[in-house]
Amino acid sequence: FSSSFCLLCRSSSSSLFVRRSSVGCNGYVQKKLGTCKTNRNMSVFHKLFGGKDKIEEKRKKNLERRAKLIEEANTPHPLKEYKENKGKRHEAPTTINPASDAQVFPSFKAFNILDTNVPLSLPQTSPKPLNVFLFAARAISQPVVNAYAHAFTQAIAEHDCDPTSVAISQVVGLETAFHRMAAGMIASGLKQSTADNNVDNVFIVKEGIETLNQQLNLFSPLSCFCFVVDDHGMIRWRAHGTPTQQERETIKNVVIPQLIAPLDSTPTPQQTRQRRPIKKRIPRQ
């Protein structure tokens, strides 16, 4: 026996068992600390506030919080990363994803810049054969959005595809509460900088942007993200950052030809009609 201090009953007594490794009041091993005889199994404090299960739950939450803080500390700041690589970590693949292995594009609620009070569901219920979504949260990414839109428009024209079969939409996510309060001003600024024939395809997202960032891996608000979605809602091709020459060639030679058929290749009703083979008449002898 030795005089020590009990962590649970907060009393100093000579009846404490001081060992190198002794069991605490709730079954925890404490080094060089002991517990009094009355609180050796479980203290009144633990009985009132949940006991061992409550402590274990709090411990797990602390570990999760610690892991999240470590992950945030190891993640580079978006502004620093943008200065280093202009928001582009790697180039996009040169092939499209097969429909069987493609990721489902999540649905989300957005508002058109013409009316920020009426919510819309994207993708739409009757999507077009090809839907291109360009996510950009800052005005610094607007030239990149225009570069992707120009690359797709030029590829559609070169392959003689129907331009109405492709929908190119720009999505602006409002991440902070200040941006959500100024949604009307942001929408007015987007209307002034957008062509009149394209204002129907510009949307803003006020709610659920954090979930959307996790689902689509939108790692930086300073970068532009491009998603090519087919009529079944599957992501067939994706890219981010300023499009390189190789990515432009992929859009022109791979994405558009494989996902959209040219106007001339559309079969007519006469071509699709099955004709019966003509039998040759054999003259009678």
Protein backbone atom coordinates (compact mmCIF):
# COMPACT_ATOMS: atom_id res chain seq x y z
CA PHE A 1 0.00 0.00 0.00
CA SER A 2 1.09 3.54 -0.63
CA SER A 3 -0.40 7.01 -0.54
CA SER A 4 -1.67 8.06 -3.98
CA PHE A 5 -4.50 9.83 -5.78
CA CYS A 6 -7.53 8.04 -7.24
CA LEU A 7 -8.56 9.35 -10.66
CA LEU A 8 -12.24 8.49 -10.19
CA CYS A 9 -13.18 9.46 -6.66
CA ARG A 10 -10.64 12.35 -6.58
CA SER A 11 -9.44 11.41 -3.12
CA SER A 12 -6.04 10.77 -1.72
CA SER A 13 -5.86 7.66 0.43
CA SER A 14 -3.35 5.17 1.67
CA SER A 15 -5.68 2.29 0.73
CA LEU A 16 -4.81 2.59 -2.96
CA PHE A 17 -3.06 -0.24 -4.67
CA VAL A 18 -0.06 1.28 -6.43
CA ARG A 19 1.24 -1.10 -9.01
CA ARG A 20 3.18 -0.73 -12.20
CA SER A 21 0.07 -1.71 -14.15
CA SER A 22 -3.18 -1.76 -12.18
CA VAL A 23 -6.82 -1.97 -13.27
CA GLY A 24 -8.84 1.22 -13.05
CA CYS A 25 -12.40 1.64 -11.78
CA ASN A 26 -13.92 0.75 -15.13
CA GLY A 27 -11.55 -1.93 -16.27
CA TYR A 28 -8.95 0.36 -17.84
CA VAL A 29 -5.27 -0.30 -17.26
CA GLN A 30 -3.54 2.69 -15.72
CA LYS A 31 0.19 2.80 -15.24
CA LYS A 32 1.48 3.67 -11.75
CA LEU A 33 -2.04 4.56 -10.61
CA GLY A 34 -4.46 2.72 -8.37
CA THR A 35 -8.09 2.80 -7.33
CA CYS A 36 -9.73 2.79 -3.95
CA LYS A 37 -11.58 -0.27 -2.67
CA THR A 38 -15.06 1.22 -3.03
CA ASN A 39 -14.58 2.27 -6.69
CA ARG A 40 -12.53 -0.67 -7.86
CA ASN A 41 -15.22 -2.20 -10.13
CA MET A 42 -17.22 0.81 -11.35
CA SER A 43 -17.65 4.31 -10.04
CA VAL A 44 -20.91 6.17 -9.53
CA PHE A 45 -19.87 8.61 -12.26
CA HIS A 46 -19.60 5.83 -14.80
CA LYS A 47 -22.92 4.33 -13.77
CA LEU A 48 -24.70 7.65 -14.26
CA PHE A 49 -23.11 8.59 -17.58
CA GLY A 50 -23.10 5.35 -19.53
CA GLY A 51 -20.21 3.36 -18.20
CA LYS A 52 -17.61 1.71 -20.38
CA ASP A 53 -19.65 1.80 -23.60
CA LYS A 54 -20.01 5.58 -23.40
CA ILE A 55 -16.28 6.02 -22.91
CA GLU A 56 -15.50 3.71 -25.82
CA GLU A 57 -17.88 5.65 -28.06
CA LYS A 58 -16.27 8.94 -27.12
CA ARG A 59 -12.84 7.45 -27.70
CA LYS A 60 -13.81 6.32 -31.22
CA LYS A 61 -15.14 9.80 -32.05
CA ASN A 62 -11.90 11.36 -30.86
CA LEU A 63 -9.89 8.99 -33.03
CA GLU A 64 -12.03 9.79 -36.07
CA ARG A 65 -11.65 13.50 -35.41
CA ARG A 66 -7.90 13.09 -35.06
CA ALA A 67 -7.68 11.14 -38.35
CA LYS A 68 -9.70 13.85 -40.11
CA LEU A 69 -7.40 16.58 -38.79
CA ILE A 70 -4.33 14.65 -39.94
CA GLU A 71 -5.86 14.21 -43.40
CA GLU A 72 -6.65 17.93 -43.65
CA ALA A 73 -3.12 18.80 -42.53
CA ASN A 74 -1.61 16.57 -45.22
CA THR A 75 -3.91 17.90 -47.96
CA PRO A 76 -2.35 20.81 -49.85
CA HIS A 77 -4.16 24.13 -49.81
CA PRO A 78 -6.17 24.73 -53.02
CA LEU A 79 -4.49 28.08 -53.69
CA LYS A 80 -1.00 26.62 -53.25
CA GLU A 81 -1.86 23.69 -55.51
CA TYR A 82 -3.33 26.02 -58.13
CA LYS A 83 -0.10 28.04 -58.22
CA GLU A 84 1.92 24.87 -58.74
CA ASN A 85 -0.12 22.99 -61.36
CA LYS A 86 -3.02 25.32 -62.28
CA GLY A 87 -5.48 22.91 -60.69
CA LYS A 88 -4.50 19.93 -62.87
CA ARG A 89 -3.13 16.83 -61.14
CA HIS A 90 -3.09 14.45 -64.12
CA GLU A 91 -4.38 14.08 -67.65
CA ALA A 92 -7.65 12.43 -68.51
CA PRO A 93 -7.73 8.90 -69.98
CA THR A 94 -7.64 8.48 -73.74
CA THR A 95 -10.54 6.01 -73.74
CA ILE A 96 -14.10 6.16 -72.45
CA ASN A 97 -15.33 4.02 -69.58
CA PRO A 98 -17.42 0.99 -70.51
CA ALA A 99 -21.04 1.32 -69.50
CA SER A 100 -20.75 -1.75 -67.25
CA ASP A 101 -17.86 -0.26 -65.23
CA ALA A 102 -18.92 3.40 -65.29
CA GLN A 103 -19.91 5.35 -62.17
CA VAL A 104 -23.46 6.57 -61.77
CA PHE A 105 -23.73 10.33 -61.97
CA PRO A 106 -25.48 11.51 -58.78
CA SER A 107 -28.65 13.54 -58.96
CA PHE A 108 -28.72 16.91 -57.20
CA LYS A 109 -30.91 19.98 -56.83
CA ALA A 110 -29.89 23.12 -58.69
CA PHE A 111 -31.29 26.51 -59.71
CA ASN A 112 -31.14 28.12 -63.12
CA ILE A 113 -29.61 31.60 -63.18
CA LEU A 114 -32.80 32.99 -64.75
CA ASP A 115 -34.82 32.04 -61.66
CA THR A 116 -32.98 31.24 -58.44
CA ASN A 117 -36.20 30.43 -56.56
CA VAL A 118 -37.40 27.41 -58.56
CA PRO A 119 -35.35 24.26 -57.84
CA LEU A 120 -34.57 21.84 -60.65
CA SER A 121 -33.37 18.25 -60.58
CA LEU A 122 -30.20 17.43 -62.50
CA PRO A 123 -29.70 15.36 -64.57
CA GLN A 124 -33.08 15.92 -66.15
CA THR A 125 -35.70 13.19 -66.33
CA SER A 126 -35.41 12.99 -70.14
CA PRO A 127 -31.69 13.46 -70.75
CA LYS A 128 -30.15 13.90 -74.16
CA PRO A 129 -27.87 11.25 -75.72
CA LEU A 130 -24.83 13.12 -74.39
CA ASN A 131 -24.71 15.44 -71.37
CA VAL A 132 -21.60 17.41 -70.45
CA PHE A 133 -21.42 18.90 -66.94
CA LEU A 134 -18.76 21.52 -66.19
CA PHE A 135 -18.31 22.22 -62.48
CA ALA A 136 -16.61 25.49 -61.55
CA ALA A 137 -16.97 27.26 -58.21
CA ARG A 138 -14.85 30.35 -58.88
CA ALA A 139 -14.68 32.96 -61.62
CA ILE A 140 -11.02 32.09 -62.16
CA SER A 141 -12.17 28.81 -63.76
CA GLN A 142 -14.46 30.45 -66.33
CA PRO A 143 -11.83 30.42 -69.14
CA VAL A 144 -11.39 26.68 -68.56
CA VAL A 145 -15.16 26.17 -68.80
CA ASN A 146 -15.18 28.03 -72.12
CA ALA A 147 -12.25 25.91 -73.36
CA TYR A 148 -14.10 22.64 -72.69
CA ALA A 149 -17.33 23.95 -74.23
CA HIS A 150 -15.43 25.08 -77.36
CA ALA A 151 -13.68 21.69 -77.64
CA PHE A 152 -16.98 19.79 -77.56
CA THR A 153 -18.73 22.21 -79.93
CA GLN A 154 -15.90 22.01 -82.43
CA ALA A 155 -15.79 18.20 -82.27
CA ILE A 156 -19.55 17.98 -82.85
CA ALA A 157 -19.28 20.23 -85.90
CA GLU A 158 -16.35 18.30 -87.38
CA HIS A 159 -18.16 14.96 -87.10
CA ASP A 160 -21.41 16.37 -88.51
CA CYS A 161 -23.42 15.39 -85.42
CA ASP A 162 -26.72 16.83 -84.35
CA PRO A 163 -25.90 19.73 -81.97
CA THR A 164 -29.29 19.36 -80.26
CA SER A 165 -28.31 15.86 -79.08
CA VAL A 166 -25.67 17.31 -76.74
CA ALA A 167 -26.35 19.39 -73.63
CA ILE A 168 -23.39 21.32 -72.22
CA SER A 169 -24.26 22.59 -68.73
CA GLN A 170 -22.23 24.73 -66.36
CA VAL A 171 -22.72 24.13 -62.63
CA VAL A 172 -21.52 26.64 -60.04
CA GLY A 173 -21.39 25.38 -56.47
CA LEU A 174 -21.90 27.85 -53.60
CA GLU A 175 -19.78 26.37 -50.80
CA THR A 176 -19.87 29.02 -48.07
CA ALA A 177 -22.78 30.71 -46.33
CA PHE A 178 -21.66 34.08 -47.71
CA HIS A 179 -21.89 32.80 -51.29
CA ARG A 180 -25.33 31.32 -50.64
CA MET A 181 -26.57 34.65 -49.27
CA ALA A 182 -25.27 36.39 -52.39
CA ALA A 183 -26.80 33.83 -54.78
CA GLY A 184 -28.84 36.51 -56.55
CA MET A 185 -25.81 38.70 -57.21
CA ILE A 186 -23.80 35.71 -58.44
CA ALA A 187 -26.63 34.72 -60.79
CA SER A 188 -26.80 38.28 -62.18
CA GLY A 189 -23.06 38.26 -62.83
CA LEU A 190 -23.30 34.91 -64.62
CA LYS A 191 -26.14 36.18 -66.81
CA GLN A 192 -24.06 39.15 -67.92
CA SER A 193 -21.08 36.97 -68.82
CA THR A 194 -23.11 34.23 -70.57
CA ALA A 195 -24.43 34.31 -74.10
CA ASP A 196 -28.18 34.69 -74.48
CA ASN A 197 -28.55 31.31 -76.20
CA ASN A 198 -26.79 29.52 -73.33
CA VAL A 199 -28.34 30.99 -70.16
CA ASP A 200 -30.70 28.02 -69.90
CA ASN A 201 -27.70 25.72 -69.33
CA VAL A 202 -26.08 27.56 -66.40
CA PHE A 203 -27.05 26.41 -62.89
CA ILE A 204 -26.05 27.14 -59.31
CA VAL A 205 -26.10 24.70 -56.38
CA LYS A 206 -26.94 26.04 -52.94
CA GLU A 207 -27.35 22.88 -50.86
CA GLY A 208 -25.55 19.56 -50.68
CA ILE A 209 -22.37 20.81 -52.31
CA GLU A 210 -20.17 19.00 -49.77
CA THR A 211 -21.82 15.67 -50.52
CA LEU A 212 -21.47 16.35 -54.24
CA ASN A 213 -17.78 17.14 -53.82
CA GLN A 214 -17.22 13.81 -52.09
CA GLN A 215 -19.21 11.78 -54.62
CA LEU A 216 -17.51 13.32 -57.66
CA ASN A 217 -14.10 13.99 -56.03
CA LEU A 218 -14.18 17.74 -56.64
CA PHE A 219 -10.98 18.29 -54.71
CA SER A 220 -10.41 21.99 -55.44
CA PRO A 221 -12.84 24.92 -55.77
CA LEU A 222 -10.34 26.68 -58.06
CA SER A 223 -10.34 23.97 -60.71
CA CYS A 224 -12.86 23.06 -63.40
CA PHE A 225 -14.20 19.50 -63.62
CA CYS A 226 -15.70 18.00 -66.78
CA PHE A 227 -18.07 14.99 -66.76
CA VAL A 228 -19.47 13.30 -69.86
CA VAL A 229 -22.71 11.48 -68.97
CA ASP A 230 -24.71 9.29 -71.35
CA ASP A 231 -28.49 9.00 -71.55
CA HIS A 232 -28.45 6.25 -68.88
CA GLY A 233 -26.82 8.52 -66.30
CA MET A 234 -23.38 6.87 -66.40
CA ILE A 235 -20.10 8.83 -66.35
CA ARG A 236 -18.27 7.73 -69.48
CA TRP A 237 -15.40 10.22 -69.43
CA ARG A 238 -14.07 12.83 -67.01
CA ALA A 239 -11.32 15.44 -66.91
CA HIS A 240 -10.24 18.42 -64.84
CA GLY A 241 -8.10 21.50 -65.20
CA THR A 242 -7.24 23.22 -68.47
CA PRO A 243 -7.75 20.78 -71.37
CA THR A 244 -4.46 19.77 -72.99
CA GLN A 245 -3.98 19.06 -76.67
CA GLN A 246 -4.19 15.33 -76.01
CA GLU A 247 -7.50 15.75 -74.17
CA ARG A 248 -8.86 17.83 -77.06
CA GLU A 249 -7.91 15.05 -79.43
CA THR A 250 -9.62 12.52 -77.16
CA ILE A 251 -12.83 14.56 -77.21
CA LYS A 252 -12.71 14.85 -80.99
CA ASN A 253 -11.58 11.32 -81.92
CA VAL A 254 -12.92 9.14 -79.08
CA VAL A 255 -15.68 10.70 -76.98
CA ILE A 256 -17.88 12.22 -79.67
CA PRO A 257 -17.56 9.47 -82.33
CA GLN A 258 -18.26 6.64 -79.86
CA LEU A 259 -21.14 8.25 -77.98
CA ILE A 260 -22.95 10.18 -80.75
CA ALA A 261 -23.78 8.94 -84.22
CA PRO A 262 -23.40 11.35 -87.18
CA LEU A 263 -26.46 12.62 -88.97
CA ASP A 264 -25.64 10.69 -92.17
CA SER A 265 -25.37 7.38 -90.33
CA THR A 266 -28.96 7.46 -89.07
CA PRO A 267 -30.81 4.68 -90.94
CA THR A 268 -33.93 5.65 -92.84
CA PRO A 269 -37.17 3.65 -92.63
CA GLN A 270 -36.55 2.30 -96.14
CA GLN A 271 -33.09 1.08 -95.10
CA THR A 272 -34.36 -0.61 -91.96
CA ARG A 273 -37.16 -2.40 -93.82
CA GLN A 274 -36.23 -5.99 -94.50
CA ARG A 275 -36.59 -6.93 -98.12
CA ARG A 276 -37.44 -10.44 -99.21
CA PRO A 277 -34.90 -12.12 -101.46
CA ILE A 278 -35.93 -12.23 -105.11
CA LYS A 279 -36.26 -15.78 -106.44
CA LYS A 280 -35.08 -16.42 -109.94
CA ARG A 281 -37.62 -17.95 -112.25
CA ILE A 282 -36.58 -21.12 -113.93
CA PRO A 283 -38.13 -21.53 -117.40
CA ARG A 284 -40.15 -24.66 -117.99
CA GLN A 285 -38.77 -27.19 -120.38
